[in-house]
Amino acid sequence: MYKHVFIAIDDSETSQKALDEAIAVAKAHDATLEIAHAIDEHLVHVFYAGGMTTTSTDQLKNTLETSGRDVLDKALAKALAAGAKAKTHLIKGHGEHADDLIAEAVKRSNANLLVVGSHGRRGVRRLLLGSVAENLVRKVAISVLIVRGPNAEPH
């Protein structure tokens, strides 16, 4: 029986689908739902160092934080409206990748189920973009529910 369900989300359609599943699981088990969003500061450095933006790193970080809080506020409203016991967690690091930040937050949370969405990328797209879901399966010691996105590519 699950008592604490942890979900890591972003603003994608896949994350919304995963959130729906996490809400359903949390409600079915009368569990606490912890909704988290990780700010991947590694991307800030990539965009800035690569000349892809003229914005300062501080401005980029603030934009990511504001966007993350908005994602969490909407998710919390959805969970509460569905009758789930929910709370949010904005995860900020110091240059770590999102999967490392999420794995550490999961360990500290005492959750016993992690829900995460997967875009189901294959081939070169997977190599270039990576898979947070796949990395999390290797990094956490609890059960993981991977929810496939609506456009997931078949194996």
N, C-alpha and C. Protein backbone atom coordinates (compact mmCIF):
# COMPACT_ATOMS: atom_id res chain seq x y z
N MET A 1 0.85 -1.18 0.00
CA MET A 1 0.00 0.00 0.00
C MET A 1 0.89 1.24 0.00
N TYR A 2 0.56 2.19 -0.84
CA TYR A 2 1.33 3.42 -0.94
C TYR A 2 0.80 4.45 0.04
N LYS A 3 1.72 5.10 0.75
CA LYS A 3 1.35 6.15 1.70
C LYS A 3 1.81 7.53 1.24
N HIS A 4 2.86 7.54 0.42
CA HIS A 4 3.42 8.81 -0.04
C HIS A 4 3.83 8.63 -1.50
N VAL A 5 3.10 9.30 -2.39
CA VAL A 5 3.37 9.24 -3.82
C VAL A 5 4.08 10.52 -4.23
N PHE A 6 5.19 10.39 -4.90
CA PHE A 6 6.00 11.52 -5.36
C PHE A 6 5.91 11.55 -6.88
N ILE A 7 5.59 12.72 -7.43
CA ILE A 7 5.57 12.86 -8.89
C ILE A 7 6.41 14.05 -9.29
N ALA A 8 7.23 13.84 -10.30
CA ALA A 8 8.04 14.90 -10.88
C ALA A 8 7.40 15.31 -12.19
N ILE A 9 7.11 16.61 -12.33
CA ILE A 9 6.42 17.09 -13.52
C ILE A 9 7.14 18.27 -14.16
N ASP A 10 6.80 18.49 -15.42
CA ASP A 10 7.15 19.73 -16.10
C ASP A 10 5.86 20.24 -16.74
N ASP A 11 5.96 21.05 -17.76
CA ASP A 11 4.73 21.61 -18.35
C ASP A 11 4.27 20.86 -19.59
N SER A 12 4.75 19.63 -19.78
CA SER A 12 4.42 18.86 -20.98
C SER A 12 3.09 18.13 -20.84
N GLU A 13 2.56 17.71 -21.98
CA GLU A 13 1.34 16.92 -22.02
C GLU A 13 1.56 15.57 -21.34
N THR A 14 2.76 15.04 -21.50
CA THR A 14 3.10 13.76 -20.85
C THR A 14 3.05 13.89 -19.34
N SER A 15 3.56 14.98 -18.81
CA SER A 15 3.52 15.20 -17.36
C SER A 15 2.08 15.34 -16.87
N GLN A 16 1.23 15.95 -17.65
CA GLN A 16 -0.17 16.08 -17.26
C GLN A 16 -0.84 14.71 -17.18
N LYS A 17 -0.51 13.85 -18.12
CA LYS A 17 -1.03 12.48 -18.11
C LYS A 17 -0.52 11.74 -16.87
N ALA A 18 0.78 11.92 -16.56
CA ALA A 18 1.36 11.28 -15.37
C ALA A 18 0.73 11.83 -14.10
N LEU A 19 0.45 13.13 -14.07
CA LEU A 19 -0.20 13.74 -12.91
C LEU A 19 -1.57 13.13 -12.68
N ASP A 20 -2.31 12.92 -13.74
CA ASP A 20 -3.64 12.29 -13.61
C ASP A 20 -3.51 10.91 -12.97
N GLU A 21 -2.51 10.14 -13.39
CA GLU A 21 -2.29 8.81 -12.83
C GLU A 21 -1.88 8.90 -11.36
N ALA A 22 -1.00 9.83 -11.05
CA ALA A 22 -0.53 9.98 -9.67
C ALA A 22 -1.68 10.38 -8.74
N ILE A 23 -2.54 11.26 -9.21
CA ILE A 23 -3.70 11.66 -8.42
C ILE A 23 -4.59 10.46 -8.16
N ALA A 24 -4.83 9.66 -9.19
CA ALA A 24 -5.68 8.47 -9.04
C ALA A 24 -5.08 7.48 -8.05
N VAL A 25 -3.78 7.24 -8.14
CA VAL A 25 -3.11 6.31 -7.21
C VAL A 25 -3.17 6.84 -5.78
N ALA A 26 -2.87 8.12 -5.62
CA ALA A 26 -2.87 8.72 -4.29
C ALA A 26 -4.26 8.63 -3.66
N LYS A 27 -5.27 8.93 -4.44
CA LYS A 27 -6.64 8.86 -3.92
C LYS A 27 -7.02 7.42 -3.57
N ALA A 28 -6.68 6.48 -4.42
CA ALA A 28 -7.03 5.08 -4.20
C ALA A 28 -6.39 4.52 -2.93
N HIS A 29 -5.22 5.03 -2.57
CA HIS A 29 -4.48 4.54 -1.40
C HIS A 29 -4.56 5.51 -0.22
N ASP A 30 -5.33 6.57 -0.36
CA ASP A 30 -5.42 7.61 0.66
C ASP A 30 -4.02 8.09 1.06
N ALA A 31 -3.20 8.28 0.03
CA ALA A 31 -1.80 8.65 0.23
C ALA A 31 -1.60 10.15 0.04
N THR A 32 -0.52 10.65 0.61
CA THR A 32 -0.09 12.02 0.36
C THR A 32 0.53 12.07 -1.02
N LEU A 33 0.20 13.09 -1.80
CA LEU A 33 0.77 13.29 -3.12
C LEU A 33 1.71 14.48 -3.06
N GLU A 34 2.97 14.24 -3.34
CA GLU A 34 3.97 15.31 -3.39
C GLU A 34 4.30 15.58 -4.84
N ILE A 35 3.96 16.77 -5.29
CA ILE A 35 4.16 17.17 -6.68
C ILE A 35 5.41 18.04 -6.74
N ALA A 36 6.39 17.60 -7.53
CA ALA A 36 7.66 18.32 -7.58
C ALA A 36 7.99 18.76 -9.01
N HIS A 37 8.72 19.84 -9.08
CA HIS A 37 9.26 20.34 -10.35
C HIS A 37 10.72 20.69 -10.09
N ALA A 38 11.61 20.16 -10.93
CA ALA A 38 13.05 20.42 -10.76
C ALA A 38 13.50 21.46 -11.78
N ILE A 39 14.25 22.42 -11.28
CA ILE A 39 14.85 23.42 -12.15
C ILE A 39 16.22 22.89 -12.54
N ASP A 40 16.38 22.59 -13.82
CA ASP A 40 17.62 22.03 -14.34
C ASP A 40 18.57 23.18 -14.69
N GLU A 41 19.37 23.61 -13.72
CA GLU A 41 20.28 24.73 -13.94
C GLU A 41 21.36 24.40 -14.95
N HIS A 42 21.59 23.12 -15.18
CA HIS A 42 22.56 22.72 -16.20
C HIS A 42 22.16 23.33 -17.55
N LEU A 43 20.85 23.38 -17.82
CA LEU A 43 20.37 23.95 -19.07
C LEU A 43 20.65 25.45 -19.14
N VAL A 44 20.59 26.13 -18.01
CA VAL A 44 20.89 27.56 -17.98
C VAL A 44 22.31 27.78 -18.50
N HIS A 45 23.23 26.99 -17.99
CA HIS A 45 24.63 27.14 -18.39
C HIS A 45 24.83 26.77 -19.85
N VAL A 46 24.12 25.75 -20.33
CA VAL A 46 24.22 25.36 -21.73
C VAL A 46 23.73 26.48 -22.63
N PHE A 47 22.54 27.04 -22.34
CA PHE A 47 22.00 28.12 -23.16
C PHE A 47 22.90 29.36 -23.12
N TYR A 48 23.38 29.69 -21.93
CA TYR A 48 24.18 30.90 -21.79
C TYR A 48 25.55 30.74 -22.45
N ALA A 49 26.23 29.65 -22.15
CA ALA A 49 27.57 29.41 -22.69
C ALA A 49 27.52 29.19 -24.20
N GLY A 50 26.43 28.64 -24.69
CA GLY A 50 26.30 28.37 -26.12
C GLY A 50 25.89 29.58 -26.94
N GLY A 51 25.68 30.71 -26.26
CA GLY A 51 25.30 31.92 -26.98
C GLY A 51 23.87 31.90 -27.50
N MET A 52 23.03 31.01 -26.91
CA MET A 52 21.64 30.89 -27.37
C MET A 52 20.73 31.93 -26.73
N THR A 53 21.28 32.74 -25.83
CA THR A 53 20.46 33.77 -25.19
C THR A 53 21.35 34.95 -24.83
N THR A 54 20.74 36.13 -24.80
CA THR A 54 21.47 37.32 -24.36
C THR A 54 21.07 37.69 -22.94
N THR A 55 20.20 36.89 -22.35
CA THR A 55 19.74 37.11 -20.98
C THR A 55 20.82 36.63 -20.01
N SER A 56 20.94 37.30 -18.86
CA SER A 56 21.93 36.87 -17.87
C SER A 56 21.50 35.54 -17.24
N THR A 57 22.44 34.85 -16.64
CA THR A 57 22.11 33.57 -15.99
C THR A 57 21.12 33.79 -14.85
N ASP A 58 21.24 34.89 -14.12
CA ASP A 58 20.30 35.17 -13.04
C ASP A 58 18.88 35.36 -13.58
N GLN A 59 18.77 36.06 -14.70
CA GLN A 59 17.45 36.26 -15.30
C GLN A 59 16.87 34.93 -15.78
N LEU A 60 17.70 34.08 -16.37
CA LEU A 60 17.23 32.77 -16.82
C LEU A 60 16.77 31.93 -15.63
N LYS A 61 17.54 31.94 -14.55
CA LYS A 61 17.17 31.18 -13.35
C LYS A 61 15.84 31.68 -12.79
N ASN A 62 15.67 33.00 -12.73
CA ASN A 62 14.42 33.57 -12.22
C ASN A 62 13.24 33.18 -13.10
N THR A 63 13.44 33.19 -14.41
CA THR A 63 12.38 32.80 -15.33
C THR A 63 12.02 31.34 -15.12
N LEU A 64 13.02 30.47 -14.98
CA LEU A 64 12.76 29.04 -14.74
C LEU A 64 12.04 28.83 -13.42
N GLU A 65 12.42 29.58 -12.39
CA GLU A 65 11.77 29.44 -11.09
C GLU A 65 10.31 29.91 -11.16
N THR A 66 10.07 31.03 -11.79
CA THR A 66 8.70 31.53 -11.93
C THR A 66 7.84 30.54 -12.72
N SER A 67 8.39 30.03 -13.79
CA SER A 67 7.68 29.05 -14.61
C SER A 67 7.41 27.77 -13.81
N GLY A 68 8.39 27.33 -13.05
CA GLY A 68 8.24 26.13 -12.22
C GLY A 68 7.16 26.29 -11.17
N ARG A 69 7.13 27.44 -10.53
CA ARG A 69 6.08 27.69 -9.53
C ARG A 69 4.69 27.71 -10.17
N ASP A 70 4.61 28.23 -11.38
CA ASP A 70 3.33 28.25 -12.09
C ASP A 70 2.87 26.82 -12.42
N VAL A 71 3.78 25.99 -12.88
CA VAL A 71 3.48 24.58 -13.17
C VAL A 71 2.97 23.90 -11.90
N LEU A 72 3.65 24.14 -10.78
CA LEU A 72 3.26 23.51 -9.51
C LEU A 72 1.92 24.02 -9.01
N ASP A 73 1.68 25.31 -9.13
CA ASP A 73 0.39 25.88 -8.68
C ASP A 73 -0.78 25.27 -9.43
N LYS A 74 -0.63 25.13 -10.74
CA LYS A 74 -1.70 24.52 -11.56
C LYS A 74 -1.90 23.06 -11.19
N ALA A 75 -0.81 22.34 -10.99
CA ALA A 75 -0.90 20.92 -10.64
C ALA A 75 -1.55 20.73 -9.26
N LEU A 76 -1.18 21.59 -8.31
CA LEU A 76 -1.76 21.51 -6.97
C LEU A 76 -3.26 21.77 -7.03
N ALA A 77 -3.66 22.77 -7.77
CA ALA A 77 -5.09 23.09 -7.91
C ALA A 77 -5.84 21.89 -8.50
N LYS A 78 -5.26 21.24 -9.48
CA LYS A 78 -5.88 20.07 -10.11
C LYS A 78 -6.01 18.93 -9.11
N ALA A 79 -4.95 18.67 -8.35
CA ALA A 79 -4.96 17.58 -7.37
C ALA A 79 -5.97 17.83 -6.26
N LEU A 80 -6.00 19.05 -5.75
CA LEU A 80 -6.93 19.38 -4.67
C LEU A 80 -8.38 19.32 -5.16
N ALA A 81 -8.62 19.78 -6.39
CA ALA A 81 -9.97 19.73 -6.95
C ALA A 81 -10.44 18.29 -7.12
N ALA A 82 -9.48 17.37 -7.33
CA ALA A 82 -9.82 15.95 -7.48
C ALA A 82 -9.97 15.26 -6.13
N GLY A 83 -9.68 15.98 -5.05
CA GLY A 83 -9.83 15.41 -3.72
C GLY A 83 -8.60 14.72 -3.16
N ALA A 84 -7.45 14.96 -3.75
CA ALA A 84 -6.20 14.36 -3.26
C ALA A 84 -5.59 15.23 -2.16
N LYS A 85 -4.88 14.58 -1.24
CA LYS A 85 -4.08 15.30 -0.23
C LYS A 85 -2.74 15.59 -0.90
N ALA A 86 -2.50 16.84 -1.23
CA ALA A 86 -1.34 17.16 -2.05
C ALA A 86 -0.54 18.33 -1.50
N LYS A 87 0.73 18.31 -1.84
CA LYS A 87 1.64 19.42 -1.54
C LYS A 87 2.62 19.53 -2.70
N THR A 88 3.32 20.67 -2.77
CA THR A 88 4.27 20.87 -3.88
C THR A 88 5.68 21.07 -3.35
N HIS A 89 6.61 20.91 -4.27
CA HIS A 89 8.02 21.02 -3.94
C HIS A 89 8.77 21.50 -5.18
N LEU A 90 9.31 22.72 -5.11
CA LEU A 90 10.16 23.24 -6.18
C LEU A 90 11.59 22.86 -5.82
N ILE A 91 12.21 22.09 -6.69
CA ILE A 91 13.55 21.58 -6.43
C ILE A 91 14.56 22.44 -7.19
N LYS A 92 15.45 23.08 -6.44
CA LYS A 92 16.49 23.90 -7.05
C LYS A 92 17.84 23.31 -6.68
N GLY A 93 18.73 23.34 -7.61
CA GLY A 93 20.07 22.81 -7.35
C GLY A 93 21.12 23.84 -7.69
N HIS A 94 22.31 23.33 -7.92
CA HIS A 94 23.44 24.19 -8.24
C HIS A 94 24.18 23.62 -9.44
N GLY A 95 23.44 23.41 -10.52
CA GLY A 95 24.04 22.91 -11.75
C GLY A 95 23.82 21.43 -12.01
N GLU A 96 23.18 20.72 -11.08
CA GLU A 96 22.93 19.30 -11.30
C GLU A 96 21.85 19.11 -12.35
N HIS A 97 21.84 17.92 -12.95
CA HIS A 97 20.78 17.56 -13.90
C HIS A 97 19.49 17.29 -13.13
N ALA A 98 18.37 17.43 -13.82
CA ALA A 98 17.06 17.25 -13.20
C ALA A 98 16.92 15.87 -12.57
N ASP A 99 17.40 14.82 -13.23
CA ASP A 99 17.22 13.48 -12.66
C ASP A 99 17.97 13.32 -11.34
N ASP A 100 19.13 13.92 -11.21
CA ASP A 100 19.87 13.86 -9.94
C ASP A 100 19.13 14.63 -8.85
N LEU A 101 18.59 15.80 -9.19
CA LEU A 101 17.84 16.59 -8.22
C LEU A 101 16.60 15.85 -7.75
N ILE A 102 15.89 15.25 -8.69
CA ILE A 102 14.66 14.52 -8.35
C ILE A 102 14.99 13.30 -7.50
N ALA A 103 16.03 12.55 -7.87
CA ALA A 103 16.40 11.35 -7.10
C ALA A 103 16.73 11.71 -5.65
N GLU A 104 17.44 12.79 -5.44
CA GLU A 104 17.76 13.22 -4.08
C GLU A 104 16.51 13.64 -3.31
N ALA A 105 15.62 14.36 -3.98
CA ALA A 105 14.38 14.79 -3.34
C ALA A 105 13.51 13.59 -2.97
N VAL A 106 13.47 12.59 -3.83
CA VAL A 106 12.70 11.37 -3.55
C VAL A 106 13.26 10.69 -2.30
N LYS A 107 14.57 10.58 -2.22
CA LYS A 107 15.20 9.94 -1.05
C LYS A 107 14.85 10.68 0.24
N ARG A 108 14.87 12.00 0.21
CA ARG A 108 14.57 12.80 1.40
C ARG A 108 13.09 12.79 1.76
N SER A 109 12.22 12.49 0.80
CA SER A 109 10.78 12.60 1.01
C SER A 109 10.16 11.41 1.74
N ASN A 110 10.85 10.29 1.77
CA ASN A 110 10.30 9.05 2.31
C ASN A 110 9.10 8.54 1.52
N ALA A 111 9.01 8.92 0.26
CA ALA A 111 7.96 8.41 -0.61
C ALA A 111 8.18 6.92 -0.85
N ASN A 112 7.09 6.22 -1.16
CA ASN A 112 7.26 4.81 -1.50
C ASN A 112 6.77 4.49 -2.91
N LEU A 113 6.43 5.53 -3.69
CA LEU A 113 6.15 5.38 -5.11
C LEU A 113 6.54 6.67 -5.82
N LEU A 114 7.27 6.53 -6.91
CA LEU A 114 7.61 7.65 -7.77
C LEU A 114 6.84 7.49 -9.07
N VAL A 115 6.15 8.55 -9.49
CA VAL A 115 5.45 8.56 -10.77
C VAL A 115 6.16 9.56 -11.66
N VAL A 116 6.46 9.16 -12.87
CA VAL A 116 7.15 10.05 -13.80
C VAL A 116 6.66 9.75 -15.21
N GLY A 117 6.55 10.80 -16.01
CA GLY A 117 6.15 10.64 -17.40
C GLY A 117 7.34 10.37 -18.28
N SER A 118 7.11 9.65 -19.36
CA SER A 118 8.16 9.36 -20.33
C SER A 118 7.65 9.68 -21.72
N HIS A 119 8.44 10.42 -22.46
CA HIS A 119 8.05 10.78 -23.82
C HIS A 119 8.23 9.62 -24.78
N GLY A 120 8.97 8.60 -24.35
CA GLY A 120 9.15 7.41 -25.18
C GLY A 120 10.03 7.63 -26.39
N ARG A 121 11.00 8.52 -26.27
CA ARG A 121 11.89 8.78 -27.40
C ARG A 121 12.78 7.57 -27.66
N ARG A 122 13.15 7.39 -28.91
CA ARG A 122 14.01 6.29 -29.29
C ARG A 122 15.16 6.84 -30.13
N GLY A 123 16.15 6.04 -30.34
CA GLY A 123 17.23 6.35 -31.27
C GLY A 123 17.99 7.62 -30.94
N VAL A 124 18.28 8.39 -31.98
CA VAL A 124 19.09 9.60 -31.85
C VAL A 124 18.42 10.62 -30.93
N ARG A 125 17.10 10.77 -31.02
CA ARG A 125 16.40 11.73 -30.14
C ARG A 125 16.62 11.37 -28.69
N ARG A 126 16.64 10.07 -28.36
CA ARG A 126 16.87 9.66 -26.98
C ARG A 126 18.30 9.97 -26.56
N LEU A 127 19.25 9.73 -27.47
CA LEU A 127 20.65 10.02 -27.15
C LEU A 127 20.87 11.51 -26.94
N LEU A 128 20.25 12.34 -27.74
CA LEU A 128 20.43 13.78 -27.63
C LEU A 128 19.70 14.37 -26.43
N LEU A 129 18.50 13.90 -26.17
CA LEU A 129 17.67 14.50 -25.14
C LEU A 129 17.72 13.75 -23.81
N GLY A 130 18.19 12.51 -23.85
CA GLY A 130 18.26 11.71 -22.63
C GLY A 130 16.89 11.29 -22.16
N SER A 131 16.87 10.57 -21.07
CA SER A 131 15.61 10.10 -20.51
C SER A 131 15.67 10.24 -19.00
N VAL A 132 14.99 11.26 -18.50
CA VAL A 132 14.92 11.47 -17.06
C VAL A 132 14.29 10.25 -16.40
N ALA A 133 13.22 9.74 -16.99
CA ALA A 133 12.53 8.58 -16.42
C ALA A 133 13.46 7.38 -16.31
N GLU A 134 14.17 7.09 -17.38
CA GLU A 134 15.09 5.94 -17.37
C GLU A 134 16.19 6.11 -16.33
N ASN A 135 16.73 7.31 -16.22
CA ASN A 135 17.77 7.56 -15.23
C ASN A 135 17.23 7.43 -13.81
N LEU A 136 16.01 7.88 -13.58
CA LEU A 136 15.43 7.80 -12.24
C LEU A 136 15.22 6.35 -11.80
N VAL A 137 14.83 5.49 -12.72
CA VAL A 137 14.65 4.08 -12.38
C VAL A 137 15.94 3.52 -11.78
N ARG A 138 17.06 3.94 -12.29
CA ARG A 138 18.37 3.47 -11.80
C ARG A 138 18.79 4.13 -10.49
N LYS A 139 18.26 5.32 -10.21
CA LYS A 139 18.77 6.12 -9.09
C LYS A 139 17.94 6.06 -7.82
N VAL A 140 16.71 5.55 -7.89
CA VAL A 140 15.87 5.52 -6.69
C VAL A 140 15.65 4.07 -6.26
N ALA A 141 15.39 3.90 -4.98
CA ALA A 141 15.22 2.55 -4.42
C ALA A 141 13.76 2.22 -4.14
N ILE A 142 12.85 2.97 -4.73
CA ILE A 142 11.42 2.71 -4.52
C ILE A 142 10.79 2.32 -5.86
N SER A 143 9.56 1.88 -5.80
CA SER A 143 8.83 1.53 -7.03
C SER A 143 8.63 2.77 -7.88
N VAL A 144 8.67 2.57 -9.20
CA VAL A 144 8.51 3.67 -10.15
C VAL A 144 7.41 3.31 -11.14
N LEU A 145 6.44 4.21 -11.26
CA LEU A 145 5.39 4.07 -12.26
C LEU A 145 5.73 5.03 -13.39
N ILE A 146 6.02 4.48 -14.56
CA ILE A 146 6.33 5.31 -15.73
C ILE A 146 5.09 5.39 -16.59
N VAL A 147 4.64 6.62 -16.82
CA VAL A 147 3.45 6.86 -17.63
C VAL A 147 3.91 7.34 -19.00
N ARG A 148 3.51 6.60 -20.01
CA ARG A 148 3.89 6.95 -21.38
C ARG A 148 3.06 8.13 -21.88
N GLY A 149 3.73 8.99 -22.62
CA GLY A 149 3.05 10.15 -23.20
C GLY A 149 2.15 9.75 -24.35
N PRO A 150 1.29 10.67 -24.75
CA PRO A 150 0.34 10.37 -25.83
C PRO A 150 1.00 10.11 -27.17
N ASN A 151 2.22 10.62 -27.35
CA ASN A 151 2.92 10.45 -28.63
C ASN A 151 4.16 9.57 -28.48
N ALA A 152 4.16 8.70 -27.48
CA ALA A 152 5.31 7.84 -27.25
C ALA A 152 5.55 6.95 -28.45
N GLU A 153 6.82 6.81 -28.82
CA GLU A 153 7.17 5.98 -29.95
C GLU A 153 7.19 4.52 -29.53
N PRO A 154 6.71 3.62 -30.39
CA PRO A 154 6.74 2.18 -30.05
C PRO A 154 8.16 1.67 -29.99
N HIS A 155 8.35 0.58 -29.25
CA HIS A 155 9.70 -0.01 -29.14
C HIS A 155 10.10 -0.59 -30.43
